Amino acid sequence: EILSTVRSFVDKEIIPHAQELEHADTYPTDIVEGMKEMGLFGLTVPEEFGGLGESLLTYALVVEEIARGWMSVSGVINTHFIVAHMISRHGTPEQKQKYLPKMAAGEIRGSFSMSEPDLGSDVAAIKTRAKRDGGDYVIDGAKMWLTNGGSSNLIALLVKTDEGAGKAHQNLTAFLVEKPEGFGEVAPGLTIPGKIDKMGYKGVDTTEAVFDGFRIPASQVLGEAPGRGFSFMMDGIEVGRVNVAARACGIAIRAFELAIDYAQQRKTFGKPIAEHQAIAFKLAEMATKVEAAHLMMVNAARLKDTGERNDVAAGMAKLIASEYCAEVTQEAFRIHGGYGYSKEYEIERLMREAPFLLIGEGTSEIQKTIISRGLLREYR
């Protein structure tokens, strides 16, 4: 029932407006308000905090439907879901009560900040630092690639505190940073520069965050557990990888829909191009890749729902879904011929969006590293 409602919303409220909003790089305010009314911001928030209490699987299938309409809209809710998940799983009772009801209503919207300008995938090399000063911490440093950095009012932030023991990963702490929406110096010591101009993934704001003597109470440490930020953020990243897999499935589904529709309309040599074996075989391969990616995404979401470790399954799903998405989208582009290069056709937008999924939440090479380590652990 939820998926049916979302699918109808996508067909009526997202697809007809996506092209215009994307080309203008305009934030989808009306669409976001519609998602609030549907309760989608509280989809996975426990019912006791005003959410729907749905599973990660339901969330992933909803994201797949939304990304089919326009990937940027799924980006608006992705980091929000990750932050809500982290608070639900690891927050103190006070933090849950303070944030989750308003997150369920969409009044508080979350963003996720781990990456830095020079960081790449080496999380242990984080330079942004928080130093204890009485009952507060003082944060200094720069963060990069915050999806919803300007439109959110709560950041889950990973920084170095040197309060753990042993390995570098144990010296990282996650903070819940409250801030106003907007750009510029939004709070004393916290600046959100303007939006980063991107090839695709437009409409949603992607930003930096610069901390310069930003003061935050110690009570804003997630779970009031200094030194445990890495494990908390990795739990969130596993949710994020399922999300990216779902987004890739959504784009691939849409690319396939566009391709098979066009192939039955366009005629060459006296018949629709879909009846030429060269095109028919492409469609068969595309549909098979879409189905395979969808099933792996569903499997990863189900594993996470059971509470089992799913880093390998999430990595596999993210790897195959993002790679297949790029391949299916390119084949759809080729089927459209010259028209695929025109901004009047939707496939042009998908061609700019699909590459993002190859790098978001960890590159394909990082996924292979995670998968191989997990396999060696299992088969030792």
Protein backbone atom coordinates (compact mmCIF):
# COMPACT_ATOMS: atom_id res chain seq x y z
CA GLU A 1 0.00 0.00 0.00
CA ILE A 2 2.86 2.38 0.85
CA LEU A 3 4.65 1.55 -2.40
CA SER A 4 1.47 2.00 -4.42
CA THR A 5 0.94 5.44 -2.88
CA VAL A 6 4.55 6.45 -3.52
CA ARG A 7 4.45 5.17 -7.11
CA SER A 8 1.35 7.24 -7.79
CA PHE A 9 3.01 10.29 -6.21
CA VAL A 10 6.10 9.78 -8.39
CA ASP A 11 4.06 9.49 -11.59
CA LYS A 12 1.89 12.52 -10.83
CA GLU A 13 4.12 14.89 -8.84
CA ILE A 14 7.76 14.08 -9.66
CA ILE A 15 8.20 12.82 -13.25
CA PRO A 16 6.17 15.66 -14.88
CA HIS A 17 8.30 18.32 -13.12
CA ALA A 18 11.73 16.68 -12.83
CA GLN A 19 13.14 17.92 -16.14
CA GLU A 20 12.29 21.58 -15.53
CA LEU A 21 13.49 21.57 -11.91
CA GLU A 22 16.68 19.67 -12.76
CA HIS A 23 17.68 21.91 -15.66
CA ALA A 24 17.11 24.99 -13.47
CA ASP A 25 18.93 23.36 -10.50
CA THR A 26 15.90 24.27 -8.36
CA TYR A 27 15.23 22.73 -4.96
CA PRO A 28 12.01 20.63 -5.18
CA THR A 29 10.16 22.43 -2.38
CA ASP A 30 6.63 21.34 -3.36
CA ILE A 31 7.71 17.73 -3.79
CA VAL A 32 9.40 17.75 -0.38
CA GLU A 33 6.25 19.17 1.23
CA GLY A 34 4.25 16.38 -0.40
CA MET A 35 6.62 13.78 1.06
CA LYS A 36 6.21 15.37 4.50
CA GLU A 37 2.44 15.06 4.23
CA MET A 38 2.79 11.40 3.28
CA GLY A 39 4.93 10.78 6.36
CA LEU A 40 7.94 9.62 4.35
CA PHE A 41 10.45 11.45 6.54
CA GLY A 42 9.36 9.25 9.42
CA LEU A 43 9.17 6.03 7.43
CA THR A 44 11.72 4.14 9.55
CA VAL A 45 11.39 6.15 12.75
CA PRO A 46 9.87 3.96 15.53
CA GLU A 47 6.15 4.46 16.13
CA GLU A 48 6.77 5.50 19.74
CA PHE A 49 8.46 8.62 18.34
CA GLY A 50 5.74 9.43 15.81
CA GLY A 51 7.14 7.54 12.82
CA LEU A 52 5.74 4.68 10.76
CA GLY A 53 8.23 2.14 12.14
CA GLU A 54 8.75 0.50 8.76
CA SER A 55 11.62 -1.81 7.83
CA LEU A 56 14.76 -0.91 5.91
CA LEU A 57 13.40 -3.05 3.09
CA THR A 58 10.28 -0.88 2.81
CA TYR A 59 12.50 2.21 2.93
CA ALA A 60 14.74 0.83 0.14
CA LEU A 61 11.76 0.01 -2.07
CA VAL A 62 10.36 3.52 -1.50
CA VAL A 63 13.72 5.02 -2.46
CA GLU A 64 13.78 2.88 -5.61
CA GLU A 65 10.39 4.30 -6.61
CA ILE A 66 11.41 7.89 -5.88
CA ALA A 67 14.73 7.59 -7.75
CA ARG A 68 12.79 6.25 -10.72
CA GLY A 69 11.14 9.66 -10.79
CA TRP A 70 14.16 11.85 -10.00
CA MET A 71 17.27 10.77 -8.12
CA SER A 72 17.72 14.16 -6.44
CA VAL A 73 14.48 13.74 -4.52
CA SER A 74 15.72 10.45 -3.08
CA GLY A 75 18.88 12.36 -2.08
CA VAL A 76 16.77 14.76 -0.02
CA ILE A 77 15.62 11.91 2.22
CA ASN A 78 18.69 9.65 2.13
CA THR A 79 20.95 11.46 4.59
CA HIS A 80 17.90 12.19 6.74
CA PHE A 81 17.18 8.47 7.02
CA ILE A 82 20.82 7.70 7.86
CA VAL A 83 20.88 10.24 10.70
CA ALA A 84 17.50 9.06 12.02
CA HIS A 85 18.76 5.46 11.93
CA MET A 86 21.91 6.38 13.86
CA ILE A 87 19.96 8.22 16.54
CA SER A 88 17.43 5.37 16.81
CA ARG A 89 20.19 2.78 17.18
CA HIS A 90 22.84 4.64 19.15
CA GLY A 91 21.37 7.83 20.63
CA THR A 92 20.71 8.38 24.31
CA PRO A 93 17.06 8.33 25.47
CA GLU A 94 17.23 12.13 25.67
CA GLN A 95 18.59 12.43 22.13
CA LYS A 96 15.91 10.11 20.77
CA GLN A 97 13.14 12.05 22.48
CA LYS A 98 14.57 15.39 21.38
CA TYR A 99 15.10 14.64 17.70
CA LEU A 100 13.13 11.65 16.42
CA PRO A 101 9.56 13.05 16.72
CA LYS A 102 10.55 16.20 14.80
CA MET A 103 12.54 14.15 12.28
CA ALA A 104 9.48 11.97 11.67
CA ALA A 105 7.47 15.09 10.90
CA GLY A 106 10.18 16.49 8.63
CA GLU A 107 10.63 19.52 10.90
CA ILE A 108 14.21 18.48 11.63
CA ARG A 109 16.08 17.30 8.54
CA GLY A 110 19.40 15.50 8.77
CA SER A 111 22.65 15.59 6.80
CA PHE A 112 25.65 13.29 7.13
CA SER A 113 29.24 14.53 7.27
CA MET A 114 32.23 12.23 7.18
CA SER A 115 34.30 13.14 4.11
CA GLU A 116 36.87 15.94 3.94
CA PRO A 117 38.60 17.80 1.07
CA ASP A 118 41.78 15.66 1.28
CA LEU A 119 40.27 12.54 2.82
CA GLY A 120 38.93 10.23 0.12
CA SER A 121 38.15 6.81 1.54
CA ASP A 122 40.74 6.88 4.35
CA VAL A 123 38.38 7.69 7.21
CA ALA A 124 41.06 7.19 9.85
CA ALA A 125 42.93 10.17 8.37
CA ILE A 126 40.23 12.67 9.39
CA LYS A 127 41.77 16.04 10.27
CA THR A 128 38.75 17.93 11.62
CA ARG A 129 39.29 17.93 15.35
CA ALA A 130 37.20 18.52 18.48
CA LYS A 131 38.99 19.44 21.71
CA ARG A 132 37.35 19.20 25.11
CA ASP A 133 36.92 22.51 26.91
CA GLY A 134 35.05 22.09 30.18
CA GLY A 135 31.52 20.92 29.43
CA ASP A 136 31.91 21.70 25.71
CA TYR A 137 33.96 20.70 22.71
CA VAL A 138 35.52 23.17 20.25
CA ILE A 139 35.57 21.97 16.63
CA ASP A 140 38.00 23.13 13.94
CA GLY A 141 38.35 21.86 10.37
CA ALA A 142 36.64 21.50 7.01
CA LYS A 143 34.20 18.85 5.80
CA MET A 144 33.18 18.08 2.21
CA TRP A 145 30.30 16.62 0.17
CA LEU A 146 27.40 17.26 2.57
CA THR A 147 24.21 16.33 0.75
CA ASN A 148 21.50 18.69 2.10
CA GLY A 149 24.26 20.74 3.74
CA GLY A 150 22.30 23.97 3.37
CA SER A 151 18.73 22.67 3.63
CA SER A 152 19.27 20.49 6.73
CA ASN A 153 19.22 21.69 10.33
CA LEU A 154 20.97 18.73 11.97
CA ILE A 155 24.36 17.31 10.94
CA ALA A 156 25.73 13.95 12.04
CA LEU A 157 29.41 14.91 12.11
CA LEU A 158 32.47 12.65 12.45
CA VAL A 159 35.63 14.26 13.88
CA LYS A 160 38.85 13.29 15.63
CA THR A 161 38.87 13.60 19.44
CA ASP A 162 41.73 11.31 20.53
CA GLU A 163 39.52 9.99 23.33
CA GLY A 164 39.53 6.34 22.28
CA ALA A 165 42.24 3.77 22.82
CA GLY A 166 44.50 1.93 20.43
CA LYS A 167 43.62 2.14 16.73
CA ALA A 168 43.06 5.43 14.90
CA HIS A 169 39.42 4.48 14.19
CA GLN A 170 38.79 4.45 17.95
CA ASN A 171 39.74 8.11 18.28
CA LEU A 172 36.80 9.34 16.22
CA THR A 173 33.60 10.77 17.70
CA ALA A 174 30.18 11.49 16.17
CA PHE A 175 28.43 14.75 17.08
CA LEU A 176 24.86 15.90 16.50
CA VAL A 177 25.31 19.47 15.27
CA GLU A 178 22.24 21.70 15.27
CA LYS A 179 22.24 24.63 12.84
CA PRO A 180 19.84 26.91 10.97
CA GLU A 181 19.06 26.22 7.33
CA GLY A 182 20.84 28.36 4.76
CA PHE A 183 24.28 29.37 3.56
CA GLY A 184 27.09 31.57 4.85
CA GLU A 185 27.98 31.74 8.55
CA VAL A 186 24.88 29.99 9.85
CA ALA A 187 26.15 29.83 13.46
CA PRO A 188 29.18 31.25 15.31
CA GLY A 189 32.13 29.26 14.01
CA LEU A 190 30.16 27.30 11.36
CA THR A 191 30.06 28.35 7.71
CA ILE A 192 28.17 26.55 4.93
CA PRO A 193 29.53 27.94 1.65
CA GLY A 194 27.28 27.99 -1.42
CA LYS A 195 26.19 24.92 -3.36
CA ILE A 196 28.81 22.92 -5.25
CA ASP A 197 27.96 22.99 -8.96
CA LYS A 198 27.67 19.40 -10.16
CA MET A 199 27.38 17.57 -13.50
CA GLY A 200 24.13 15.98 -12.36
CA TYR A 201 22.30 15.32 -9.08
CA LYS A 202 20.95 18.85 -9.28
CA GLY A 203 18.19 20.44 -7.23
CA VAL A 204 19.50 18.92 -3.99
CA ASP A 205 22.24 21.02 -2.36
CA THR A 206 25.73 19.59 -1.92
CA THR A 207 28.06 21.71 0.20
CA GLU A 208 31.17 22.07 2.30
CA ALA A 209 31.08 22.83 6.04
CA VAL A 210 33.84 24.90 7.66
CA PHE A 211 34.28 24.81 11.44
CA ASP A 212 36.36 27.55 13.07
CA GLY A 213 36.18 27.50 16.84
CA PHE A 214 32.65 26.06 16.76
CA ARG A 215 31.54 25.33 20.32
CA ILE A 216 29.17 22.43 21.07
CA PRO A 217 28.01 20.87 24.37
CA ALA A 218 29.38 17.43 25.29
CA SER A 219 25.75 16.25 25.51
CA GLN A 220 25.66 16.46 21.68
CA VAL A 221 28.07 13.54 21.31
CA LEU A 222 25.97 10.78 19.74
CA GLY A 223 25.14 8.26 22.46
CA GLU A 224 27.33 10.36 24.79
CA ALA A 225 30.04 7.89 23.71
CA PRO A 226 33.29 9.62 22.68
CA GLY A 227 35.60 7.46 20.59
CA ARG A 228 32.80 5.30 19.14
CA GLY A 229 31.91 7.54 16.22
CA PHE A 230 33.49 5.35 13.55
CA SER A 231 31.32 2.31 14.35
CA PHE A 232 28.20 4.50 14.56
CA MET A 233 28.92 6.12 11.19
CA MET A 234 29.72 2.77 9.54
CA ASP A 235 26.34 1.49 10.71
CA GLY A 236 24.81 4.50 8.98
CA ILE A 237 26.93 3.94 5.87
CA GLU A 238 25.56 0.40 5.52
CA VAL A 239 22.08 1.93 5.38
CA GLY A 240 23.45 4.48 2.89
CA ARG A 241 24.86 1.76 0.64
CA VAL A 242 21.51 0.00 0.53
CA ASN A 243 20.04 3.39 -0.35
CA VAL A 244 22.52 3.96 -3.18
CA ALA A 245 21.78 0.48 -4.52
CA ALA A 246 18.07 1.32 -4.42
CA ARG A 247 18.65 4.61 -6.19
CA ALA A 248 20.67 2.84 -8.87
CA CYS A 249 17.82 0.36 -9.33
CA GLY A 250 15.35 3.22 -9.67
CA ILE A 251 17.38 4.99 -12.36
CA ALA A 252 18.00 1.71 -14.21
CA ILE A 253 14.28 0.92 -14.15
CA ARG A 254 13.46 4.36 -15.57
CA ALA A 255 16.17 4.08 -18.25
CA PHE A 256 14.79 0.69 -19.27
CA GLU A 257 11.21 2.04 -19.37
CA LEU A 258 12.28 4.90 -21.61
CA ALA A 259 14.30 2.60 -23.87
CA ILE A 260 11.64 -0.08 -24.39
CA ASP A 261 8.98 2.57 -24.99
CA TYR A 262 11.10 4.44 -27.54
CA ALA A 263 12.21 1.20 -29.25
CA GLN A 264 8.58 0.36 -30.01
CA GLN A 265 7.87 3.80 -31.47
CA ARG A 266 10.99 4.46 -33.53
CA LYS A 267 10.96 2.72 -36.92
CA THR A 268 13.79 1.84 -39.27
CA PHE A 269 13.73 -0.32 -42.39
CA GLY A 270 9.96 -0.60 -42.16
CA LYS A 271 9.55 -1.85 -38.60
CA PRO A 272 10.00 -0.73 -34.97
CA ILE A 273 13.63 -0.97 -33.89
CA ALA A 274 12.54 -3.25 -31.02
CA GLU A 275 11.92 -5.91 -33.67
CA HIS A 276 15.53 -5.79 -34.82
CA GLN A 277 17.50 -8.46 -33.01
CA ALA A 278 20.34 -6.05 -32.16
CA ILE A 279 17.93 -3.91 -30.12
CA ALA A 280 15.82 -6.79 -28.80
CA PHE A 281 18.92 -8.41 -27.30
CA LYS A 282 19.93 -5.12 -25.68
CA LEU A 283 16.50 -4.89 -24.04
CA ALA A 284 16.76 -8.47 -22.78
CA GLU A 285 20.16 -7.81 -21.21
CA MET A 286 19.01 -4.52 -19.69
CA ALA A 287 15.95 -6.11 -18.07
CA THR A 288 18.05 -8.95 -16.67
CA LYS A 289 20.52 -6.50 -15.11
CA VAL A 290 17.69 -4.45 -13.59
CA GLU A 291 16.18 -7.56 -12.03
CA ALA A 292 19.52 -8.87 -10.71
CA ALA A 293 20.39 -5.53 -9.11
CA HIS A 294 16.93 -5.26 -7.54
CA LEU A 295 17.17 -8.72 -5.97
CA MET A 296 20.62 -8.06 -4.49
CA MET A 297 19.42 -4.74 -3.08
CA VAL A 298 16.41 -6.46 -1.48
CA ASN A 299 18.67 -9.14 0.01
CA ALA A 300 21.00 -6.54 1.58
CA ALA A 301 18.06 -4.65 3.08
CA ARG A 302 16.54 -7.82 4.54
CA LEU A 303 19.85 -8.80 6.13
CA LYS A 304 20.18 -5.38 7.76
CA ASP A 305 16.62 -5.69 9.08
CA THR A 306 17.49 -8.95 10.85
CA GLY A 307 20.31 -7.24 12.71
CA GLU A 308 22.94 -9.41 11.06
CA ARG A 309 26.19 -7.93 9.78
CA ASN A 310 25.53 -6.93 6.16
CA ASP A 311 28.66 -5.09 5.09
CA VAL A 312 29.43 -7.68 2.41
CA ALA A 313 25.84 -7.91 1.15
CA ALA A 314 25.48 -4.10 1.13
CA GLY A 315 28.81 -3.78 -0.66
CA MET A 316 27.81 -6.37 -3.27
CA ALA A 317 24.42 -4.73 -3.80
CA LYS A 318 25.93 -1.25 -4.12
CA LEU A 319 28.66 -2.52 -6.48
CA ILE A 320 26.43 -4.42 -8.89
CA ALA A 321 23.50 -1.98 -8.81
CA SER A 322 25.65 1.09 -9.53
CA GLU A 323 27.65 -0.62 -12.29
CA TYR A 324 24.55 -2.11 -13.91
CA CYS A 325 22.78 1.24 -13.62
CA ALA A 326 25.55 2.93 -15.60
CA GLU A 327 25.46 0.17 -18.23
CA VAL A 328 21.67 0.10 -18.59
CA THR A 329 21.48 3.90 -18.78
CA GLN A 330 24.13 4.01 -21.49
CA GLU A 331 22.36 1.32 -23.52
CA ALA A 332 19.11 3.30 -23.21
CA PHE A 333 21.01 6.37 -24.41
CA ARG A 334 22.29 4.44 -27.45
CA ILE A 335 18.82 3.14 -28.27
CA HIS A 336 17.59 6.75 -28.35
CA GLY A 337 20.23 7.59 -30.95
CA GLY A 338 20.74 11.31 -31.56
CA TYR A 339 17.64 12.20 -29.54
CA GLY A 340 19.32 10.85 -26.40
CA TYR A 341 21.79 13.74 -26.63
CA SER A 342 18.99 16.31 -26.54
CA LYS A 343 17.99 17.95 -23.28
CA GLU A 344 14.37 17.53 -24.34
CA TYR A 345 14.65 13.80 -23.66
CA GLU A 346 14.75 12.42 -20.14
CA ILE A 347 17.56 9.98 -20.88
CA GLU A 348 20.01 12.89 -21.14
CA ARG A 349 19.41 13.67 -17.46
CA LEU A 350 19.81 10.04 -16.44
CA MET A 351 23.15 9.91 -18.27
CA ARG A 352 24.41 12.68 -15.97
CA GLU A 353 22.93 11.17 -12.81
CA ALA A 354 24.02 7.53 -13.13
CA PRO A 355 27.80 8.19 -12.76
CA PHE A 356 27.30 9.68 -9.30
CA LEU A 357 26.21 6.29 -7.98
CA LEU A 358 29.55 4.79 -8.99
CA ILE A 359 31.28 6.95 -6.37
CA GLY A 360 28.61 7.84 -3.77
CA GLU A 361 28.91 5.99 -0.42
CA GLY A 362 32.23 4.50 -1.56
CA THR A 363 33.58 3.74 -5.02
CA SER A 364 33.29 0.35 -6.70
CA GLU A 365 36.91 -0.28 -5.72
CA ILE A 366 36.09 0.35 -2.05
CA GLN A 367 33.15 -2.05 -2.31
CA LYS A 368 35.46 -4.72 -3.73
CA THR A 369 37.84 -4.15 -0.80
CA ILE A 370 34.99 -4.58 1.70
CA ILE A 371 33.66 -7.65 -0.09
CA SER A 372 37.04 -9.36 -0.37
CA ARG A 373 37.86 -8.74 3.31
CA GLY A 374 34.52 -10.19 4.31
CA LEU A 375 35.04 -13.25 2.13
CA LEU A 376 38.51 -13.86 3.57
CA ARG A 377 37.06 -13.51 7.06
CA GLU A 378 34.33 -16.04 6.26
CA TYR A 379 36.49 -18.60 4.46
CA ARG A 380 39.56 -18.46 6.70
